[in-house]
Amino acid sequence: MENSSASKTPGRTFGYLLMSGQPGTMDEIAKDLLYSKATASLIISDIKVQYERWTKGEIDESSEKP
């Protein structure tokens, strides 16, 4: 049983992007993961922001809570 209150949606989306091995459109992501286009857009935007923060060194693995 999972104790986290965080949504699984970002993790599912990130996993999908990693496993697909190629870029996908927002429509493809929404269709494949059974999300609305709005949800897909919000999640992709959040992943992009987190990636940019990580590549700039603003966040690292050691600063994340378990």
PDB file of N, CA and C in Angstrom:
ATOM      1  N   MET A   1       0.842  -1.183   0.000  1.00  0.00           N
ATOM      2  CA  MET A   1       0.000   0.000   0.000  1.00  0.00           C
ATOM      3  C   MET A   1       0.885   1.243   0.000  1.00  0.00           C
ATOM      4  N   GLU A   2       0.530   2.188  -0.813  1.00  0.00           N
ATOM      5  CA  GLU A   2       1.323   3.405  -0.938  1.00  0.00           C
ATOM      6  C   GLU A   2       0.866   4.437   0.079  1.00  0.00           C
ATOM      7  N   ASN A   3       1.832   5.064   0.772  1.00  0.00           N
ATOM      8  CA  ASN A   3       1.519   6.056   1.786  1.00  0.00           C
ATOM      9  C   ASN A   3       1.590   7.482   1.263  1.00  0.00           C
ATOM     10  N   SER A   4       2.102   7.675   0.074  1.00  0.00           N
ATOM     11  CA  SER A   4       2.275   9.006  -0.477  1.00  0.00           C
ATOM     12  C   SER A   4       0.941   9.576  -0.945  1.00  0.00           C
ATOM     13  N   SER A   5       0.756  10.870  -0.709  1.00  0.00           N
ATOM     14  CA  SER A   5      -0.450  11.532  -1.199  1.00  0.00           C
ATOM     15  C   SER A   5      -0.223  12.127  -2.586  1.00  0.00           C
ATOM     16  N   ALA A   6       0.997  11.986  -3.119  1.00  0.00           N
ATOM     17  CA  ALA A   6       1.312  12.528  -4.435  1.00  0.00           C
ATOM     18  C   ALA A   6       0.615  11.721  -5.526  1.00  0.00           C
ATOM     19  N   SER A   7       0.285  12.394  -6.590  1.00  0.00           N
ATOM     20  CA  SER A   7      -0.368  11.755  -7.720  1.00  0.00           C
ATOM     21  C   SER A   7       0.613  10.825  -8.434  1.00  0.00           C
ATOM     22  N   LYS A   8       0.099   9.740  -8.969  1.00  0.00           N
ATOM     23  CA  LYS A   8       0.916   8.817  -9.748  1.00  0.00           C
ATOM     24  C   LYS A   8       1.039   9.273 -11.196  1.00  0.00           C
ATOM     25  N   THR A   9       0.249  10.261 -11.585  1.00  0.00           N
ATOM     26  CA  THR A   9       0.202  10.701 -12.968  1.00  0.00           C
ATOM     27  C   THR A   9       1.553  11.183 -13.505  1.00  0.00           C
ATOM     28  N   PRO A  10       2.299  12.019 -12.777  1.00  0.00           N
ATOM     29  CA  PRO A  10       3.608  12.428 -13.303  1.00  0.00           C
ATOM     30  C   PRO A  10       4.563  11.242 -13.486  1.00  0.00           C
ATOM     31  N   GLY A  11       4.549  10.314 -12.555  1.00  0.00           N
ATOM     32  CA  GLY A  11       5.415   9.146 -12.668  1.00  0.00           C
ATOM     33  C   GLY A  11       5.047   8.269 -13.849  1.00  0.00           C
ATOM     34  N   ARG A  12       3.760   8.065 -14.047  1.00  0.00           N
ATOM     35  CA  ARG A  12       3.305   7.276 -15.199  1.00  0.00           C
ATOM     36  C   ARG A  12       3.717   7.944 -16.500  1.00  0.00           C
ATOM     37  N   THR A  13       3.583   9.263 -16.538  1.00  0.00           N
ATOM     38  CA  THR A  13       3.914  10.005 -17.751  1.00  0.00           C
ATOM     39  C   THR A  13       5.417   9.959 -18.007  1.00  0.00           C
ATOM     40  N   PHE A  14       6.217  10.167 -16.978  1.00  0.00           N
ATOM     41  CA  PHE A  14       7.671  10.130 -17.131  1.00  0.00           C
ATOM     42  C   PHE A  14       8.119   8.735 -17.574  1.00  0.00           C
ATOM     43  N   GLY A  15       7.553   7.716 -16.963  1.00  0.00           N
ATOM     44  CA  GLY A  15       7.865   6.342 -17.352  1.00  0.00           C
ATOM     45  C   GLY A  15       7.496   6.063 -18.801  1.00  0.00           C
ATOM     46  N   TYR A  16       6.348   6.556 -19.207  1.00  0.00           N
ATOM     47  CA  TYR A  16       5.913   6.398 -20.600  1.00  0.00           C
ATOM     48  C   TYR A  16       6.922   7.040 -21.549  1.00  0.00           C
ATOM     49  N   LEU A  17       7.346   8.257 -21.220  1.00  0.00           N
ATOM     50  CA  LEU A  17       8.301   8.961 -22.081  1.00  0.00           C
ATOM     51  C   LEU A  17       9.641   8.231 -22.145  1.00  0.00           C
ATOM     52  N   LEU A  18      10.095   7.716 -21.010  1.00  0.00           N
ATOM     53  CA  LEU A  18      11.355   6.963 -20.989  1.00  0.00           C
ATOM     54  C   LEU A  18      11.258   5.676 -21.792  1.00  0.00           C
ATOM     55  N   MET A  19      10.175   4.955 -21.611  1.00  0.00           N
ATOM     56  CA  MET A  19      10.031   3.651 -22.255  1.00  0.00           C
ATOM     57  C   MET A  19       9.702   3.748 -23.742  1.00  0.00           C
ATOM     58  N   SER A  20       9.102   4.852 -24.164  1.00  0.00           N
ATOM     59  CA  SER A  20       8.731   4.972 -25.573  1.00  0.00           C
ATOM     60  C   SER A  20       9.960   5.125 -26.463  1.00  0.00           C
ATOM     61  N   GLY A  21      11.019   5.714 -25.938  1.00  0.00           N
ATOM     62  CA  GLY A  21      12.253   5.849 -26.696  1.00  0.00           C
ATOM     63  C   GLY A  21      12.213   6.877 -27.812  1.00  0.00           C
ATOM     64  N   GLN A  22      11.109   7.564 -27.936  1.00  0.00           N
ATOM     65  CA  GLN A  22      11.006   8.597 -28.960  1.00  0.00           C
ATOM     66  C   GLN A  22      10.022   9.668 -28.490  1.00  0.00           C
ATOM     67  N   PRO A  23      10.154  10.881 -29.016  1.00  0.00           N
ATOM     68  CA  PRO A  23       9.216  11.928 -28.635  1.00  0.00           C
ATOM     69  C   PRO A  23       7.803  11.592 -29.102  1.00  0.00           C
ATOM     70  N   GLY A  24       6.837  12.051 -28.373  1.00  0.00           N
ATOM     71  CA  GLY A  24       5.446  11.858 -28.757  1.00  0.00           C
ATOM     72  C   GLY A  24       4.710  13.184 -28.692  1.00  0.00           C
ATOM     73  N   THR A  25       3.619  13.251 -29.381  1.00  0.00           N
ATOM     74  CA  THR A  25       2.812  14.466 -29.335  1.00  0.00           C
ATOM     75  C   THR A  25       1.954  14.444 -28.077  1.00  0.00           C
ATOM     76  N   MET A  26       1.426  15.581 -27.711  1.00  0.00           N
ATOM     77  CA  MET A  26       0.539  15.675 -26.559  1.00  0.00           C
ATOM     78  C   MET A  26      -0.692  14.791 -26.767  1.00  0.00           C
ATOM     79  N   ASP A  27      -1.205  14.772 -27.990  1.00  0.00           N
ATOM     80  CA  ASP A  27      -2.369  13.932 -28.301  1.00  0.00           C
ATOM     81  C   ASP A  27      -2.045  12.448 -28.112  1.00  0.00           C
ATOM     82  N   GLU A  28      -0.872  12.015 -28.545  1.00  0.00           N
ATOM     83  CA  GLU A  28      -0.476  10.609 -28.388  1.00  0.00           C
ATOM     84  C   GLU A  28      -0.334  10.236 -26.919  1.00  0.00           C
ATOM     85  N   ILE A  29       0.288  11.105 -26.157  1.00  0.00           N
ATOM     86  CA  ILE A  29       0.476  10.848 -24.729  1.00  0.00           C
ATOM     87  C   ILE A  29      -0.882  10.752 -24.035  1.00  0.00           C
ATOM     88  N   ALA A  30      -1.756  11.701 -24.303  1.00  0.00           N
ATOM     89  CA  ALA A  30      -3.089  11.699 -23.694  1.00  0.00           C
ATOM     90  C   ALA A  30      -3.861  10.433 -24.077  1.00  0.00           C
ATOM     91  N   LYS A  31      -3.818  10.060 -25.341  1.00  0.00           N
ATOM     92  CA  LYS A  31      -4.541   8.877 -25.809  1.00  0.00           C
ATOM     93  C   LYS A  31      -3.973   7.606 -25.186  1.00  0.00           C
ATOM     94  N   ASP A  32      -2.656   7.448 -25.230  1.00  0.00           N
ATOM     95  CA  ASP A  32      -2.022   6.223 -24.742  1.00  0.00           C
ATOM     96  C   ASP A  32      -2.184   6.036 -23.236  1.00  0.00           C
ATOM     97  N   LEU A  33      -2.175   7.138 -22.485  1.00  0.00           N
ATOM     98  CA  LEU A  33      -2.276   7.041 -21.026  1.00  0.00           C
ATOM     99  C   LEU A  33      -3.687   7.298 -20.498  1.00  0.00           C
ATOM    100  N   LEU A  34      -4.617   7.481 -21.424  1.00  0.00           N
ATOM    101  CA  LEU A  34      -6.028   7.715 -21.076  1.00  0.00           C
ATOM    102  C   LEU A  34      -6.211   8.960 -20.204  1.00  0.00           C
ATOM    103  N   TYR A  35      -5.500  10.029 -20.566  1.00  0.00           N
ATOM    104  CA  TYR A  35      -5.620  11.319 -19.900  1.00  0.00           C
ATOM    105  C   TYR A  35      -6.409  12.259 -20.801  1.00  0.00           C
ATOM    106  N   SER A  36      -6.973  13.289 -20.197  1.00  0.00           N
ATOM    107  CA  SER A  36      -7.511  14.369 -21.018  1.00  0.00           C
ATOM    108  C   SER A  36      -6.322  15.149 -21.575  1.00  0.00           C
ATOM    109  N   LYS A  37      -6.545  15.908 -22.617  1.00  0.00           N
ATOM    110  CA  LYS A  37      -5.456  16.714 -23.180  1.00  0.00           C
ATOM    111  C   LYS A  37      -4.990  17.755 -22.172  1.00  0.00           C
ATOM    112  N   ALA A  38      -5.910  18.262 -21.370  1.00  0.00           N
ATOM    113  CA  ALA A  38      -5.546  19.254 -20.350  1.00  0.00           C
ATOM    114  C   ALA A  38      -4.621  18.636 -19.310  1.00  0.00           C
ATOM    115  N   THR A  39      -4.936  17.427 -18.860  1.00  0.00           N
ATOM    116  CA  THR A  39      -4.080  16.754 -17.877  1.00  0.00           C
ATOM    117  C   THR A  39      -2.713  16.478 -18.472  1.00  0.00           C
ATOM    118  N   ALA A  40      -2.675  15.973 -19.687  1.00  0.00           N
ATOM    119  CA  ALA A  40      -1.399  15.693 -20.345  1.00  0.00           C
ATOM    120  C   ALA A  40      -0.562  16.975 -20.452  1.00  0.00           C
ATOM    121  N   SER A  41      -1.199  18.070 -20.814  1.00  0.00           N
ATOM    122  CA  SER A  41      -0.494  19.342 -20.951  1.00  0.00           C
ATOM    123  C   SER A  41       0.099  19.803 -19.621  1.00  0.00           C
ATOM    124  N   LEU A  42      -0.694  19.727 -18.557  1.00  0.00           N
ATOM    125  CA  LEU A  42      -0.206  20.146 -17.237  1.00  0.00           C
ATOM    126  C   LEU A  42       0.957  19.287 -16.766  1.00  0.00           C
ATOM    127  N   ILE A  43       0.837  17.982 -16.942  1.00  0.00           N
ATOM    128  CA  ILE A  43       1.886  17.075 -16.478  1.00  0.00           C
ATOM    129  C   ILE A  43       3.169  17.262 -17.277  1.00  0.00           C
ATOM    130  N   ILE A  44       3.063  17.387 -18.588  1.00  0.00           N
ATOM    131  CA  ILE A  44       4.250  17.599 -19.421  1.00  0.00           C
ATOM    132  C   ILE A  44       4.923  18.923 -19.057  1.00  0.00           C
ATOM    133  N   SER A  45       4.141  19.952 -18.824  1.00  0.00           N
ATOM    134  CA  SER A  45       4.703  21.247 -18.422  1.00  0.00           C
ATOM    135  C   SER A  45       5.453  21.126 -17.099  1.00  0.00           C
ATOM    136  N   ASP A  46       4.879  20.408 -16.143  1.00  0.00           N
ATOM    137  CA  ASP A  46       5.525  20.216 -14.850  1.00  0.00           C
ATOM    138  C   ASP A  46       6.819  19.423 -14.991  1.00  0.00           C
ATOM    139  N   ILE A  47       6.798  18.358 -15.784  1.00  0.00           N
ATOM    140  CA  ILE A  47       8.012  17.567 -16.007  1.00  0.00           C
ATOM    141  C   ILE A  47       9.093  18.439 -16.649  1.00  0.00           C
ATOM    142  N   LYS A  48       8.707  19.280 -17.599  1.00  0.00           N
ATOM    143  CA  LYS A  48       9.664  20.167 -18.267  1.00  0.00           C
ATOM    144  C   LYS A  48      10.301  21.138 -17.270  1.00  0.00           C
ATOM    145  N   VAL A  49       9.496  21.731 -16.396  1.00  0.00           N
ATOM    146  CA  VAL A  49      10.010  22.660 -15.387  1.00  0.00           C
ATOM    147  C   VAL A  49      10.986  21.946 -14.446  1.00  0.00           C
ATOM    148  N   GLN A  50      10.601  20.758 -13.989  1.00  0.00           N
ATOM    149  CA  GLN A  50      11.475  20.000 -13.087  1.00  0.00           C
ATOM    150  C   GLN A  50      12.784  19.627 -13.775  1.00  0.00           C
ATOM    151  N   TYR A  51      12.712  19.234 -15.039  1.00  0.00           N
ATOM    152  CA  TYR A  51      13.922  18.890 -15.792  1.00  0.00           C
ATOM    153  C   TYR A  51      14.836  20.113 -15.936  1.00  0.00           C
ATOM    154  N   GLU A  52      14.259  21.248 -16.259  1.00  0.00           N
ATOM    155  CA  GLU A  52      15.059  22.472 -16.401  1.00  0.00           C
ATOM    156  C   GLU A  52      15.713  22.860 -15.083  1.00  0.00           C
ATOM    157  N   ARG A  53      14.979  22.740 -13.982  1.00  0.00           N
ATOM    158  CA  ARG A  53      15.552  23.039 -12.665  1.00  0.00           C
ATOM    159  C   ARG A  53      16.689  22.077 -12.343  1.00  0.00           C
ATOM    160  N   TRP A  54      16.509  20.797 -12.666  1.00  0.00           N
ATOM    161  CA  TRP A  54      17.528  19.797 -12.387  1.00  0.00           C
ATOM    162  C   TRP A  54      18.789  20.044 -13.219  1.00  0.00           C
ATOM    163  N   THR A  55      18.641  20.374 -14.519  1.00  0.00           N
ATOM    164  CA  THR A  55      19.802  20.594 -15.377  1.00  0.00           C
ATOM    165  C   THR A  55      20.546  21.877 -14.998  1.00  0.00           C
ATOM    166  N   LYS A  56      19.863  22.826 -14.370  1.00  0.00           N
ATOM    167  CA  LYS A  56      20.516  24.047 -13.910  1.00  0.00           C
ATOM    168  C   LYS A  56      21.175  23.860 -12.543  1.00  0.00           C
ATOM    169  N   GLY A  57      20.962  22.699 -11.934  1.00  0.00           N
ATOM    170  CA  GLY A  57      21.547  22.429 -10.627  1.00  0.00           C
ATOM    171  C   GLY A  57      20.738  22.981  -9.469  1.00  0.00           C
ATOM    172  N   GLU A  58      19.508  23.414  -9.733  1.00  0.00           N
ATOM    173  CA  GLU A  58      18.678  23.960  -8.662  1.00  0.00           C
ATOM    174  C   GLU A  58      18.148  22.869  -7.733  1.00  0.00           C
ATOM    175  N   ILE A  59      18.014  21.681  -8.255  1.00  0.00           N
ATOM    176  CA  ILE A  59      17.592  20.549  -7.427  1.00  0.00           C
ATOM    177  C   ILE A  59      18.506  19.369  -7.737  1.00  0.00           C
ATOM    178  N   ASP A  60      18.700  18.515  -6.761  1.00  0.00           N
ATOM    179  CA  ASP A  60      19.457  17.295  -6.980  1.00  0.00           C
ATOM    180  C   ASP A  60      18.814  16.165  -6.181  1.00  0.00           C
ATOM    181  N   GLU A  61      19.276  14.959  -6.408  1.00  0.00           N
ATOM    182  CA  GLU A  61      18.670  13.799  -5.771  1.00  0.00           C
ATOM    183  C   GLU A  61      18.792  13.853  -4.247  1.00  0.00           C
ATOM    184  N   SER A  62      19.881  14.402  -3.747  1.00  0.00           N
ATOM    185  CA  SER A  62      20.092  14.425  -2.301  1.00  0.00           C
ATOM    186  C   SER A  62      19.147  15.390  -1.572  1.00  0.00           C
ATOM    187  N   SER A  63      18.562  16.340  -2.320  1.00  0.00           N
ATOM    188  CA  SER A  63      17.667  17.305  -1.679  1.00  0.00           C
ATOM    189  C   SER A  63      16.210  16.833  -1.692  1.00  0.00           C
ATOM    190  N   GLU A  64      15.932  15.730  -2.373  1.00  0.00           N
ATOM    191  CA  GLU A  64      14.568  15.212  -2.437  1.00  0.00           C
ATOM    192  C   GLU A  64      14.255  14.393  -1.208  1.00  0.00           C
ATOM    193  N   LYS A  65      13.029  14.520  -0.722  1.00  0.00           N
ATOM    194  CA  LYS A  65      12.585  13.736   0.413  1.00  0.00           C
ATOM    195  C   LYS A  65      12.240  12.327  -0.048  1.00  0.00           C
ATOM    196  N   PRO A  66      12.470  11.327   0.784  1.00  0.00           N
ATOM    197  CA  PRO A  66      12.152   9.938   0.380  1.00  0.00           C
ATOM    198  C   PRO A  66      10.668   9.708   0.210  1.00  0.00           C
TER     199      PRO A  66
END
